[in-house]
Each structure stands twice: as structure tokens, then as C-alpha cells.
Amino acid sequence: MCGVVGIVGQTPINQQLYDALLILQHRGQDAAGMAISDGERLLLRKANGLVSEVFQQRHMLNARGNFGVGHCRYPTAGNTTSAQAQPMYVNSPCGICMAHNGNITNAKVLREAITTKYNRHLNTQSDSEILLNVFAHELQNSDQAVADPASVFNAVAAVHEQCIGAYAVVALIIGGGIVGFRDPRGIRPLVVGKRANPENGKDEYIIASETAALDILGFTLLRDIEPGEACFITEDGELHMQQCAEQHTHTPCIFEYVYLARPDSVLDQISVYKARLSMGEALAETVLARFKDGEHDVDVVIPIPETSRTAALPLAHRLGVDYREGFVKNRYIGRTFIMPGQSIRKKSVRQKLNVIELEVRDKVVLLVEDSIVRGTTIREVIEQCRQAGAKKVYLASAAPPVRFPNVFGIDMPSTDEFIATGRTEKEIEEILGVDLLVYQKLEDLKSVVRGWNEDIPAFECSIFDGDYNCVGVDESYLSQLSSERNDFTKAIQDAFAIETDGEGIEIATHSNG
């Protein structure tokens, strides 16, 4: 769940890249970076931290160029040192910087091919670096001295043939332009937008993970980049688009709509906000069905800030009870779901959320959560409600139980860390200490989201149903994934990782001549 952005402008775009990354910050809070080119030089800055921490005034003043790419990272593979931050760079051919959102499931096989067959060196354990080197190798095989649309599209086609998994990519090619492409299933989102430069009226383009980044910068959405499609924008501002996958379908990740994306974004022609409203309406019917003749005793509906607010509103309306903000959120604490390590997540809940006793004392409270993964946040929240004097505490989840690992770019690698693994809903109720637990039905979730774009044939729902529909993803792969990426392993990796530069990689130059 990283955020990527690429911009081709008519004037320096450093501030625009920075602003876009701020908008995409929710997609990754571990590291940030941007690479900018003036056609001859590459200016690169990346480091651990939030966008506002990584880029200081001295960095922005030196980063001058009319096209570039940016990335905000939340780690699913590798450790958390700044060496893993993106964009990642290779100097041959041309000089390429790539930012990637997703996960390559056949990374082990590709790593072997890159180092032995392609004779290329890999510096990190990141699958993003693997994807970059596959693309660079294929582009280098082109007969063209400078990247042109045909050679870029051929390279993307070769990536599709070799790389399995989920990937939404933006890449800067020095002397060429910006390329963006999406895996043949379109699992991770990617959109392209356009606007006229206010100084000279010429066209400028943006490629980004979410439409919210376009809105803030004044770009008009052209459309989603289709599964398997590539978008190439030359440094002169010419737009080229081409389908590069022989076989492609459309199965976007449904968890984008449940939790990952901003509510003001529109992904694959589906409003995230409207989808979440529909989730609340469907969830309300499931909640009512748990009470005899629909006669519930709920006094108040309270969302767990912030994502669940949209679903909680129609739920409260359908139940005919008050909707109340029952928790104060400290906005300076990151999302606990994407924090590394269970102990850190648990500690952060108390720092992040504090109950408003007035809204829960002597009441039957229905808490609404967007999803329940590890149960860390919700257990602490339920305990706070009990301590504040709630008569009963009910819990409704806008998503079904998370029971299976995610292999497509979300930090859910190990079933051992999921509260729903191997347990019935009644057992989960007892562990959470809640009087009633209601999950959204998977078919209802798929139905309400598809209701806003019926052209989508299916969604990627593997964390709910275990159907990965992906070559090579079997029990052996999932077991290996769990052992490599669970919380304990990540803690060991980080403890022994060598941080080569506490300041990150300072702005460097690269000459194309």
C-alpha cells in the first residue's frame, strides 16, 4: 500500500510532487522520496520519515526540473532502512528511477535471473528493485538509443510476461519522460490526469495512485490506466497510451474501498465515499437480522475514527439511533494498522484514541470499524468503553473476517497475526470482550461496491476468501511469506540492518551525456 505519483510539466514541478505526496501520505508513512529531471540531470532525494520530514527547504530549492516521480512507502518486503526507500535508480539504460506500489509474487525466481542471466546487481531485498531491473533490461534490449513510445511499450509488455503479482508503477526515464503502468489484473489503482499550464497554456500530465492527488493540484481526470496498459508521457508533454498485456482482466483490490484509499478518491470509476456509504447500508441489514424481529436495543452508533465514519452514518440512520463521535483522535499518531510490530501498535492505540465518557456511560453502544485485522485497536477501544461505563458494547465491521494473508502489497503476511484465523465469530466475540459481533457478508460487500461500476467483473478478495487466482501462490509460498515477513522477522531484520546514511540519499546528479 504505497503511494506513487509522476508529473510532466512545462515549469518546475518540485512543489507539485511534494504536494501530491502529502495527499498520498496515508498510503505510506515509513519513507518518502522523489526524483526530478531537467532532461539531462537526475535529482534524487529519499529517506525514512513522513513527507514533511524528508524534504526540507534546501532539498526543494535544488530539485529543479520539469518532470519527476515520487513515492511514499509502507514496507511489506525488506527492512525499514532508508536503502529500501523509493524511487529506486539504475543508470543503464538512460538512467531510470522507478516507484512501485504492490508486490511481486515470483520475486525469488526473478532475482536469480537478474543476477545470473542479466548480469545485473541488486542492492536490496525489495521486489521493487527487481521490477525496475526487469524493465531496465528489456528497455536496454531496444534498438533505440533514446527511449521512445514503442520501445517503452515493448519493455512494459516484457515486464507483464515475466512479473507475477500486483504492481502500479511510475518511472522516470532521463531523456525520455514518465511511464506509468498497471499489472494485467489491475489490482492496485493508477490514474492519469491533465491540465493546462497557467503560464503558457500547454498540456501537463500526472499519473498517481489516487484521484485525490489530481484534485488538489488542479488536474482533470482523464481516466484510470487499464489493467495491463501503459501510459508514456514524453518530456515534451506528448501522451501515448497502449495496452501491453496479451491477456488481461479487471480485478481491483476491494480493500482499497474498505480501508486503504482516501474517501474523496474515485478508483476504477467507483467513488470510495459512495462505496463506503453503501457498505454501511448493507451492514445495517445484517445487524438488524441479528435481533429478533429487528428490535434492537442500541442507543448510539459510534465509529472508530476515521475510515469507518462514512459507513457508520447510514448504519445509524437505518437503526434510527443517534450517531456520535465517541473518540478523540490524536492526529499526530500514525495508522496502527501499518505500524511495524504488535507491541508498537498496541501502545499507539492508547496514544491515538481516547473515549468521550459522556457519549458511552449507561448506554448500549454499537461501535463501527472498517475492518478487523489483528484486533489490537478494537480490543483497547472496547476496554475503554467498558471503563467509561457502557452498559453493553456491540461491534460491527464493514468488512468480512480477515482470515488469509495478502500477497499483493498489503502488510498482512501471516495468518498467525489475524484474530479471525481458525476462530468462529462467537470465539472472536469472547476474545474481544464484546457483547455482539457482526461482520459484513462478503457477497454484500462485493455487491455494493460493484453497484457503482458494473463493468468490473470481479474483485481481488483473497484476504477474505483465500482465492488468490495467481500462479505460484500455494501453501508453500504462503508459509515462506509468513516466515519472511511476520512481525518477529521484521524486528530481527531491522535490528541488524545497517543504516548507511541517517540523512538518507542526498540529491545526486546524473548526466545523460
Protein backbone atom coordinates (compact mmCIF):
# COMPACT_ATOMS: atom_id res chain seq x y z
CA MET A 1 0.00 0.00 0.00
CA CYS A 2 2.43 2.64 -1.19
CA GLY A 3 1.64 5.90 -2.94
CA VAL A 4 3.14 6.75 -6.34
CA VAL A 5 3.00 9.86 -8.50
CA GLY A 6 4.62 11.10 -11.68
CA ILE A 7 4.28 14.56 -13.24
CA VAL A 8 5.34 16.04 -16.58
CA GLY A 9 5.08 19.82 -16.51
CA GLN A 10 6.07 22.86 -18.50
CA THR A 11 7.71 24.53 -15.48
CA PRO A 12 9.48 23.15 -12.37
CA ILE A 13 7.30 20.56 -10.67
CA ASN A 14 9.15 20.02 -7.37
CA GLN A 15 6.46 21.70 -5.25
CA GLN A 16 3.71 19.83 -7.09
CA LEU A 17 5.36 16.47 -6.43
CA TYR A 18 5.70 17.39 -2.78
CA ASP A 19 2.04 18.40 -2.53
CA ALA A 20 0.93 15.19 -4.27
CA LEU A 21 2.95 13.07 -1.84
CA LEU A 22 1.32 14.87 1.08
CA ILE A 23 -2.07 13.89 -0.32
CA LEU A 24 -0.90 10.28 -0.70
CA GLN A 25 0.75 10.16 2.74
CA HIS A 26 -1.97 7.85 4.09
CA ARG A 27 -0.68 5.14 1.74
CA GLY A 28 2.73 5.02 3.40
CA GLN A 29 4.34 6.69 6.40
CA ASP A 30 7.64 4.83 6.62
CA ALA A 31 9.68 6.61 3.94
CA ALA A 32 9.34 9.08 1.08
CA GLY A 33 11.31 10.10 -1.96
CA MET A 34 11.24 11.93 -5.25
CA ALA A 35 13.36 12.02 -8.38
CA ILE A 36 13.29 15.01 -10.74
CA SER A 37 14.97 15.53 -14.10
CA ASP A 38 15.60 18.52 -16.32
CA GLY A 39 16.26 16.21 -19.27
CA GLU A 40 19.97 15.83 -18.58
CA ARG A 41 20.42 15.53 -14.83
CA LEU A 42 18.68 13.38 -12.24
CA LEU A 43 18.00 14.91 -8.84
CA LEU A 44 17.18 12.28 -6.22
CA ARG A 45 16.19 12.60 -2.57
CA LYS A 46 14.77 9.85 -0.37
CA ALA A 47 14.86 8.91 3.30
CA ASN A 48 12.87 7.41 6.14
CA GLY A 49 10.11 9.55 7.60
CA LEU A 50 7.00 11.45 6.63
CA VAL A 51 7.00 13.61 3.51
CA SER A 52 7.29 16.78 5.57
CA GLU A 53 10.30 15.34 7.40
CA VAL A 54 12.18 14.02 4.37
CA PHE A 55 12.02 17.18 2.26
CA GLN A 56 13.42 20.35 3.77
CA GLN A 57 13.75 23.74 2.11
CA ARG A 58 17.33 23.08 0.96
CA HIS A 59 16.23 19.93 -0.83
CA MET A 60 13.35 21.63 -2.60
CA LEU A 61 15.42 24.59 -3.76
CA ASN A 62 17.90 22.33 -5.52
CA ALA A 63 15.36 19.96 -7.05
CA ARG A 64 14.67 21.79 -10.29
CA GLY A 65 13.19 20.01 -13.28
CA ASN A 66 10.04 19.73 -15.34
CA PHE A 67 9.29 16.05 -14.85
CA GLY A 68 9.68 13.61 -11.99
CA VAL A 69 8.28 10.81 -9.85
CA GLY A 70 7.55 10.46 -6.16
CA HIS A 71 6.83 7.70 -3.67
CA CYS A 72 5.69 7.26 -0.08
CA ARG A 73 6.45 3.84 1.35
CA TYR A 74 4.91 1.46 3.76
CA PRO A 75 7.01 -1.70 3.86
CA THR A 76 5.80 -5.19 3.04
CA ALA A 77 9.16 -6.63 1.93
CA GLY A 78 12.68 -5.95 3.14
CA ASN A 79 13.64 -3.95 6.22
CA THR A 80 12.89 -0.34 7.09
CA THR A 81 16.28 1.27 6.41
CA SER A 82 16.47 4.24 4.06
CA ALA A 83 18.14 2.00 1.45
CA GLN A 84 14.69 0.49 0.86
CA ALA A 85 13.11 3.89 0.21
CA GLN A 86 11.94 4.72 -3.29
CA PRO A 87 12.22 5.78 -6.07
CA MET A 88 14.96 3.29 -6.93
CA TYR A 89 17.57 4.03 -9.55
CA VAL A 90 19.58 2.23 -12.24
CA ASN A 91 21.92 4.09 -14.59
CA SER A 92 21.55 1.81 -17.60
CA PRO A 93 19.97 2.39 -19.99
CA CYS A 94 19.46 6.15 -19.98
CA GLY A 95 19.04 6.40 -16.22
CA ILE A 96 15.74 5.19 -14.75
CA CYS A 97 14.04 5.92 -11.43
CA MET A 98 11.03 3.79 -10.51
CA ALA A 99 8.35 3.98 -7.81
CA HIS A 100 6.20 0.89 -7.24
CA ASN A 101 3.04 0.05 -5.33
CA GLY A 102 2.28 -3.64 -4.95
CA ASN A 103 4.10 -6.93 -4.55
CA ILE A 104 5.79 -9.32 -6.98
CA THR A 105 4.97 -12.92 -6.05
CA ASN A 106 7.67 -14.57 -8.19
CA ALA A 107 10.43 -12.27 -6.92
CA LYS A 108 12.70 -15.16 -5.92
CA VAL A 109 12.82 -16.56 -9.46
CA LEU A 110 13.30 -13.12 -10.99
CA ARG A 111 16.09 -12.26 -8.57
CA GLU A 112 18.04 -15.30 -9.73
CA ALA A 113 17.53 -14.39 -13.39
CA ILE A 114 18.57 -10.78 -12.88
CA THR A 115 21.82 -11.61 -11.11
CA THR A 116 22.88 -14.56 -13.27
CA LYS A 117 21.22 -14.28 -16.66
CA TYR A 118 21.01 -10.48 -16.94
CA ASN A 119 24.27 -9.90 -15.07
CA ARG A 120 22.78 -7.06 -13.01
CA HIS A 121 23.44 -6.26 -9.36
CA LEU A 122 20.71 -5.88 -6.74
CA ASN A 123 21.35 -3.76 -3.65
CA THR A 124 18.27 -4.55 -1.58
CA GLN A 125 15.69 -7.22 -0.81
CA SER A 126 12.95 -5.07 -2.29
CA ASP A 127 10.83 -6.56 -5.06
CA SER A 128 10.54 -3.01 -6.43
CA GLU A 129 14.23 -3.14 -7.34
CA ILE A 130 13.60 -6.43 -9.12
CA LEU A 131 10.78 -4.89 -11.14
CA LEU A 132 12.99 -1.93 -12.01
CA ASN A 133 15.80 -4.14 -13.28
CA VAL A 134 13.48 -6.29 -15.39
CA PHE A 135 12.10 -3.15 -17.02
CA ALA A 136 15.58 -1.65 -17.48
CA HIS A 137 16.94 -4.85 -19.01
CA GLU A 138 14.11 -5.04 -21.53
CA LEU A 139 14.41 -1.35 -22.41
CA GLN A 140 18.14 -1.82 -22.93
CA ASN A 141 17.41 -4.52 -25.49
CA SER A 142 15.66 -1.93 -27.65
CA ASP A 143 17.35 -0.79 -30.84
CA GLN A 144 16.59 2.84 -29.97
CA ALA A 145 19.33 4.99 -28.46
CA VAL A 146 16.72 7.08 -26.62
CA ALA A 147 13.50 5.75 -25.10
CA ASP A 148 10.56 6.26 -27.43
CA PRO A 149 6.94 5.09 -27.04
CA ALA A 150 7.46 1.86 -29.00
CA SER A 151 10.50 0.75 -27.00
CA VAL A 152 8.86 1.68 -23.70
CA PHE A 153 5.69 -0.24 -24.52
CA ASN A 154 7.72 -3.27 -25.62
CA ALA A 155 9.59 -3.19 -22.33
CA VAL A 156 6.34 -3.00 -20.35
CA ALA A 157 4.97 -5.94 -22.36
CA ALA A 158 8.04 -7.94 -21.39
CA VAL A 159 7.51 -6.99 -17.73
CA HIS A 160 3.96 -8.34 -17.93
CA GLU A 161 5.27 -11.63 -19.35
CA GLN A 162 7.80 -12.08 -16.54
CA CYS A 163 6.44 -10.41 -13.39
CA ILE A 164 3.57 -12.01 -11.50
CA GLY A 165 1.62 -10.22 -8.81
CA ALA A 166 0.36 -6.69 -8.27
CA TYR A 167 2.09 -3.55 -9.44
CA ALA A 168 1.15 0.02 -10.17
CA VAL A 169 4.30 1.77 -11.38
CA VAL A 170 5.59 5.18 -12.34
CA ALA A 171 9.10 5.53 -13.74
CA LEU A 172 11.24 8.44 -14.87
CA ILE A 173 13.46 7.86 -17.90
CA ILE A 174 16.12 10.52 -18.37
CA GLY A 175 15.87 11.99 -21.83
CA GLY A 176 12.55 10.20 -22.35
CA GLY A 177 9.77 11.09 -19.97
CA ILE A 178 7.45 9.40 -17.49
CA VAL A 179 5.90 5.95 -17.88
CA GLY A 180 3.12 4.51 -15.76
CA PHE A 181 1.70 1.01 -15.99
CA ARG A 182 -0.51 -1.42 -14.14
CA ASP A 183 -0.43 -5.19 -13.77
CA PRO A 184 -2.71 -7.24 -16.09
CA ARG A 185 -5.29 -7.68 -13.32
CA GLY A 186 -5.35 -4.03 -12.25
CA ILE A 187 -5.12 -4.96 -8.57
CA ARG A 188 -3.54 -1.71 -7.41
CA PRO A 189 -5.00 1.62 -8.63
CA LEU A 190 -3.43 4.09 -11.05
CA VAL A 191 -4.98 7.11 -12.80
CA VAL A 192 -3.86 9.72 -15.33
CA GLY A 193 -4.88 13.38 -15.41
CA LYS A 194 -4.31 16.50 -17.48
CA ARG A 195 -4.34 20.28 -17.09
CA ALA A 196 -3.21 23.39 -18.95
CA ASN A 197 -0.13 25.15 -17.61
CA PRO A 198 -1.31 28.52 -16.21
CA GLU A 199 1.71 30.35 -17.69
CA ASN A 200 1.74 29.15 -21.29
CA GLY A 201 -1.43 27.08 -21.68
CA LYS A 202 0.43 23.93 -22.75
CA ASP A 203 -0.64 20.50 -21.54
CA GLU A 204 0.75 18.99 -18.34
CA TYR A 205 0.10 15.44 -17.12
CA ILE A 206 0.04 13.49 -13.88
CA ILE A 207 -0.04 9.78 -13.09
CA ALA A 208 -0.97 8.91 -9.49
CA SER A 209 -2.31 6.21 -7.20
CA GLU A 210 -5.49 8.15 -6.40
CA THR A 211 -7.59 10.89 -7.94
CA ALA A 212 -7.35 12.96 -4.74
CA ALA A 213 -3.82 13.95 -5.79
CA LEU A 214 -5.19 15.21 -9.11
CA ASP A 215 -7.95 17.23 -7.49
CA ILE A 216 -5.62 19.09 -5.13
CA LEU A 217 -3.25 20.07 -7.92
CA GLY A 218 -5.96 21.13 -10.36
CA PHE A 219 -5.64 18.25 -12.82
CA THR A 220 -8.68 16.83 -14.57
CA LEU A 221 -9.02 13.07 -14.51
CA LEU A 222 -8.66 11.59 -17.98
CA ARG A 223 -9.28 8.01 -16.89
CA ASP A 224 -7.93 5.04 -14.98
CA ILE A 225 -4.98 3.31 -16.55
CA GLU A 226 -6.44 -0.02 -17.58
CA PRO A 227 -5.10 -3.38 -16.36
CA GLY A 228 -2.03 -4.25 -18.45
CA GLU A 229 -1.98 -0.80 -20.04
CA ALA A 230 0.97 1.61 -20.13
CA CYS A 231 0.92 5.39 -20.30
CA PHE A 232 4.03 7.17 -21.62
CA ILE A 233 4.35 10.93 -21.41
CA THR A 234 7.37 12.36 -23.17
CA GLU A 235 9.38 15.15 -21.57
CA ASP A 236 7.86 17.43 -24.24
CA GLY A 237 4.37 16.65 -22.98
CA GLU A 238 3.11 14.15 -25.58
CA LEU A 239 0.74 11.50 -24.22
CA HIS A 240 0.87 7.92 -25.54
CA MET A 241 -1.18 5.01 -24.21
CA GLN A 242 -1.15 1.36 -25.25
CA GLN A 243 -2.39 -1.99 -23.99
CA CYS A 244 0.73 -4.08 -23.37
CA ALA A 245 -0.63 -7.34 -21.97
CA GLU A 246 -1.81 -10.13 -24.23
CA GLN A 247 -4.19 -11.37 -21.54
CA HIS A 248 -5.78 -9.04 -19.03
CA THR A 249 -8.82 -8.87 -16.81
CA HIS A 250 -10.05 -6.44 -14.18
CA THR A 251 -9.99 -7.46 -10.53
CA PRO A 252 -9.16 -4.42 -8.40
CA CYS A 253 -8.42 -4.89 -4.71
CA ILE A 254 -11.66 -4.49 -2.76
CA PHE A 255 -9.74 -3.49 0.37
CA GLU A 256 -8.88 -0.19 -1.35
CA TYR A 257 -12.55 0.74 -0.95
CA VAL A 258 -12.87 -0.67 2.56
CA TYR A 259 -9.82 0.99 4.09
CA LEU A 260 -6.80 1.96 2.01
CA ALA A 261 -7.96 4.79 -0.26
CA ARG A 262 -9.00 8.31 0.70
CA PRO A 263 -12.79 8.76 0.70
CA ASP A 264 -12.55 11.65 -1.78
CA SER A 265 -10.84 9.45 -4.39
CA VAL A 266 -12.50 7.75 -7.35
CA LEU A 267 -10.84 4.47 -8.32
CA ASP A 268 -11.86 2.47 -11.37
CA GLN A 269 -14.84 4.82 -11.74
CA ILE A 270 -16.06 3.99 -8.23
CA SER A 271 -16.35 6.72 -5.63
CA VAL A 272 -14.70 5.45 -2.47
CA TYR A 273 -17.05 7.60 -0.41
CA LYS A 274 -20.19 6.26 -2.07
CA ALA A 275 -18.92 2.70 -1.80
CA ARG A 276 -18.45 3.12 1.95
CA LEU A 277 -21.92 4.60 2.33
CA SER A 278 -23.29 1.52 0.60
CA MET A 279 -21.27 -0.72 2.92
CA GLY A 280 -22.97 0.92 5.88
CA GLU A 281 -26.42 0.41 4.39
CA ALA A 282 -25.77 -3.28 3.75
CA LEU A 283 -24.20 -3.74 7.18
CA ALA A 284 -27.27 -2.24 8.83
CA GLU A 285 -29.47 -5.00 7.41
CA THR A 286 -27.09 -7.66 8.72
CA VAL A 287 -27.07 -6.05 12.16
CA LEU A 288 -30.88 -5.90 12.30
CA ALA A 289 -31.08 -9.55 11.30
CA ARG A 290 -29.20 -10.46 14.49
CA PHE A 291 -32.07 -9.18 16.64
CA LYS A 292 -35.45 -10.85 16.92
CA ASP A 293 -37.89 -9.09 14.59
CA GLY A 294 -35.25 -6.37 14.15
CA GLU A 295 -35.99 -4.99 17.63
CA HIS A 296 -32.56 -3.84 18.75
CA ASP A 297 -31.56 -2.11 21.98
CA VAL A 298 -28.78 0.06 20.55
CA ASP A 299 -28.67 3.58 21.98
CA VAL A 300 -25.86 5.09 19.97
CA VAL A 301 -23.64 4.29 16.96
CA ILE A 302 -20.00 5.34 17.33
CA PRO A 303 -17.37 4.93 14.60
CA ILE A 304 -13.75 4.09 15.32
CA PRO A 305 -12.02 7.06 13.65
CA GLU A 306 -11.55 7.66 10.89
CA THR A 307 -12.27 5.38 7.94
CA SER A 308 -15.41 3.82 9.42
CA ARG A 309 -17.24 7.15 9.78
CA THR A 310 -18.73 7.01 6.31
CA ALA A 311 -20.24 3.54 6.84
CA ALA A 312 -21.42 4.36 10.36
CA LEU A 313 -23.66 7.24 9.25
CA PRO A 314 -26.15 5.25 7.14
CA LEU A 315 -25.99 2.43 9.68
CA ALA A 316 -27.14 4.76 12.46
CA HIS A 317 -29.83 6.22 10.21
CA ARG A 318 -31.22 2.77 9.37
CA LEU A 319 -31.27 1.75 13.04
CA GLY A 320 -32.98 5.01 13.96
CA VAL A 321 -30.48 5.95 16.67
CA ASP A 322 -28.00 8.74 17.29
CA TYR A 323 -24.66 8.88 15.52
CA ARG A 324 -22.00 10.24 17.83
CA GLU A 325 -18.28 10.89 17.78
CA GLY A 326 -17.24 8.93 20.85
CA PHE A 327 -13.47 9.08 20.48
CA VAL A 328 -10.95 11.86 20.23
CA LYS A 329 -8.14 11.03 17.84
CA ASN A 330 -4.59 12.26 18.16
CA ARG A 331 -3.74 13.06 14.55
CA TYR A 332 -0.03 13.00 15.26
CA ILE A 333 0.00 9.24 15.77
CA GLY A 334 0.19 7.13 12.59
CA ARG A 335 -2.27 4.47 11.49
CA THR A 336 -1.71 1.49 13.80
CA PHE A 337 -2.59 -0.96 11.03
CA ILE A 338 0.53 -0.01 9.08
CA MET A 339 2.84 0.23 12.07
CA PRO A 340 5.51 -2.49 12.29
CA GLY A 341 5.25 -4.75 15.30
CA GLN A 342 2.34 -5.73 17.51
CA SER A 343 3.75 -4.13 20.67
CA ILE A 344 4.15 -0.77 18.91
CA ARG A 345 0.59 -0.98 17.55
CA LYS A 346 -0.86 -1.74 20.99
CA LYS A 347 1.00 1.08 22.69
CA SER A 348 -0.05 3.52 19.98
CA VAL A 349 -3.78 2.81 20.36
CA ARG A 350 -3.96 4.46 23.79
CA GLN A 351 -1.94 7.37 22.50
CA LYS A 352 -4.12 7.70 19.42
CA LEU A 353 -7.70 7.22 20.67
CA ASN A 354 -9.37 8.39 23.86
CA VAL A 355 -13.03 7.75 24.69
CA ILE A 356 -15.51 10.55 25.41
CA GLU A 357 -17.16 9.19 28.55
CA LEU A 358 -20.27 11.37 28.12
CA GLU A 359 -21.23 9.50 24.93
CA VAL A 360 -20.97 5.94 26.28
CA ARG A 361 -21.84 5.95 30.00
CA ASP A 362 -25.04 3.97 30.75
CA LYS A 363 -25.64 3.34 27.02
CA VAL A 364 -25.74 0.33 24.70
CA VAL A 365 -23.00 1.28 22.26
CA LEU A 366 -22.62 -0.05 18.73
CA LEU A 367 -19.05 0.52 17.60
CA VAL A 368 -18.39 0.50 13.85
CA GLU A 369 -15.00 -0.46 12.43
CA ASP A 370 -13.97 -0.56 8.77
CA SER A 371 -12.22 -3.93 9.24
CA ILE A 372 -10.74 -6.09 11.97
CA VAL A 373 -7.29 -7.48 11.17
CA ARG A 374 -5.21 -8.15 14.26
CA GLY A 375 -7.77 -6.82 16.74
CA THR A 376 -5.22 -4.62 18.51
CA THR A 377 -7.08 -1.33 18.17
CA ILE A 378 -10.57 -2.63 18.76
CA ARG A 379 -9.69 -4.55 21.94
CA GLU A 380 -8.31 -1.42 23.52
CA VAL A 381 -11.31 0.62 22.33
CA ILE A 382 -13.79 -1.86 23.77
CA GLU A 383 -11.94 -1.81 27.09
CA GLN A 384 -12.09 1.98 27.14
CA CYS A 385 -15.87 1.84 26.59
CA ARG A 386 -16.27 -0.61 29.45
CA GLN A 387 -14.19 1.55 31.77
CA ALA A 388 -16.25 4.60 30.78
CA GLY A 389 -19.46 2.89 31.94
CA ALA A 390 -21.11 1.49 28.79
CA LYS A 391 -23.98 -0.92 29.60
CA LYS A 392 -23.23 -3.08 26.57
CA VAL A 393 -20.73 -2.87 23.74
CA TYR A 394 -21.63 -4.20 20.29
CA LEU A 395 -19.27 -4.21 17.33
CA ALA A 396 -19.98 -4.15 13.59
CA SER A 397 -17.32 -4.50 10.90
CA ALA A 398 -17.89 -3.06 7.42
CA ALA A 399 -15.65 -5.84 6.06
CA PRO A 400 -15.83 -9.64 6.41
CA PRO A 401 -13.37 -11.51 8.67
CA VAL A 402 -9.74 -11.24 7.51
CA ARG A 403 -8.54 -14.85 7.51
CA PHE A 404 -5.91 -15.14 4.76
CA PRO A 405 -2.54 -13.48 4.03
CA ASN A 406 -2.26 -10.74 1.46
CA VAL A 407 0.34 -11.27 -1.26
CA PHE A 408 -0.42 -8.19 -3.35
CA GLY A 409 1.10 -5.31 -1.41
CA ILE A 410 -0.75 -5.04 1.91
CA ASP A 411 1.07 -5.81 5.16
CA MET A 412 -0.92 -8.93 6.08
CA PRO A 413 1.67 -11.69 5.58
CA SER A 414 0.91 -14.09 8.42
CA THR A 415 -2.36 -15.75 9.40
CA ASP A 416 -0.96 -16.23 12.91
CA GLU A 417 -1.40 -12.49 13.44
CA PHE A 418 -5.09 -12.40 12.39
CA ILE A 419 -7.66 -12.56 15.15
CA ALA A 420 -10.15 -14.38 12.88
CA THR A 421 -7.82 -17.20 11.86
CA GLY A 422 -9.29 -20.57 12.88
CA ARG A 423 -11.98 -18.97 15.02
CA THR A 424 -15.74 -18.65 14.81
CA GLU A 425 -17.40 -15.28 15.23
CA LYS A 426 -18.55 -16.34 18.68
CA GLU A 427 -14.97 -17.11 19.69
CA ILE A 428 -13.81 -13.75 18.35
CA GLU A 429 -16.56 -12.07 20.39
CA GLU A 430 -15.17 -13.62 23.55
CA ILE A 431 -11.56 -12.65 22.77
CA LEU A 432 -12.53 -9.06 22.02
CA GLY A 433 -14.78 -8.86 25.07
CA VAL A 434 -17.75 -7.57 23.09
CA ASP A 435 -21.42 -8.44 23.67
CA LEU A 436 -22.22 -8.84 19.98
CA LEU A 437 -20.04 -9.02 16.87
CA VAL A 438 -21.42 -8.56 13.36
CA TYR A 439 -19.33 -8.88 10.22
CA GLN A 440 -20.27 -7.67 6.76
CA LYS A 441 -21.10 -10.54 4.42
CA LEU A 442 -18.59 -10.92 1.59
CA GLU A 443 -21.26 -11.17 -1.08
CA ASP A 444 -22.88 -8.00 0.23
CA LEU A 445 -19.52 -6.20 0.17
CA LYS A 446 -18.81 -7.20 -3.42
CA SER A 447 -22.35 -6.38 -4.49
CA VAL A 448 -22.45 -2.86 -3.07
CA VAL A 449 -19.04 -1.89 -4.46
CA ARG A 450 -19.74 -3.35 -7.89
CA GLY A 451 -23.04 -1.49 -7.84
CA TRP A 452 -21.13 1.69 -8.64
CA ASN A 453 -19.36 0.16 -11.68
CA GLU A 454 -20.99 -2.97 -13.04
CA ASP A 455 -18.33 -3.28 -15.76
CA ILE A 456 -15.90 -4.70 -13.19
CA PRO A 457 -16.28 -8.48 -13.45
CA ALA A 458 -14.76 -9.35 -10.07
CA PHE A 459 -12.67 -8.04 -7.17
CA GLU A 460 -9.48 -9.26 -5.57
CA CYS A 461 -10.80 -10.50 -2.21
CA SER A 462 -8.16 -13.05 -1.21
CA ILE A 463 -7.78 -11.78 2.38
CA PHE A 464 -11.43 -12.71 2.89
CA ASP A 465 -11.90 -15.83 0.75
CA GLY A 466 -8.35 -17.18 0.16
CA ASP A 467 -8.83 -17.17 -3.64
CA TYR A 468 -5.56 -15.71 -4.98
CA ASN A 469 -6.03 -16.65 -8.64
CA CYS A 470 -2.26 -16.30 -9.01
CA VAL A 471 0.26 -18.77 -10.37
CA GLY A 472 2.70 -19.97 -7.74
CA VAL A 473 0.73 -18.78 -4.72
CA ASP A 474 0.19 -22.04 -2.81
CA GLU A 475 0.58 -23.28 0.75
CA SER A 476 4.36 -23.46 0.38
CA TYR A 477 4.55 -19.87 -0.85
CA LEU A 478 2.26 -18.59 1.90
CA SER A 479 4.28 -20.40 4.55
CA GLN A 480 7.51 -18.88 3.24
CA LEU A 481 5.90 -15.44 3.07
CA SER A 482 4.80 -15.71 6.68
CA SER A 483 8.24 -16.74 7.90
CA GLU A 484 9.97 -13.93 5.98
CA ARG A 485 7.59 -11.07 6.72
CA ASN A 486 5.92 -11.64 10.09
CA ASP A 487 6.38 -9.09 12.85
CA PHE A 488 9.12 -11.05 14.61
CA THR A 489 11.21 -11.48 11.46
CA LYS A 490 10.86 -7.81 10.57
CA ALA A 491 12.03 -6.82 14.03
CA ILE A 492 15.15 -9.01 13.64
CA GLN A 493 15.85 -7.59 10.15
CA ASP A 494 15.58 -4.02 11.38
CA ALA A 495 17.74 -4.72 14.43
CA PHE A 496 20.61 -5.97 12.28
CA ALA A 497 20.14 -3.68 9.29
CA ILE A 498 22.93 -1.22 8.61
CA GLU A 499 21.71 2.33 8.16
CA THR A 500 24.34 3.69 5.79
CA ASP A 501 23.20 7.29 5.90
CA GLY A 502 20.99 8.73 8.58
CA GLU A 503 20.18 11.67 6.34
CA GLY A 504 19.05 9.40 3.51
CA ILE A 505 20.35 9.80 0.00
CA GLU A 506 21.07 13.42 -0.66
CA ILE A 507 20.28 14.98 -4.00
CA ALA A 508 22.65 13.48 -6.56
CA THR A 509 23.26 14.31 -10.19
CA HIS A 510 23.39 12.10 -13.19
CA SER A 511 24.45 13.22 -16.64
CA ASN A 512 22.89 11.60 -19.67
CA GLY A 513 25.73 12.75 -21.86
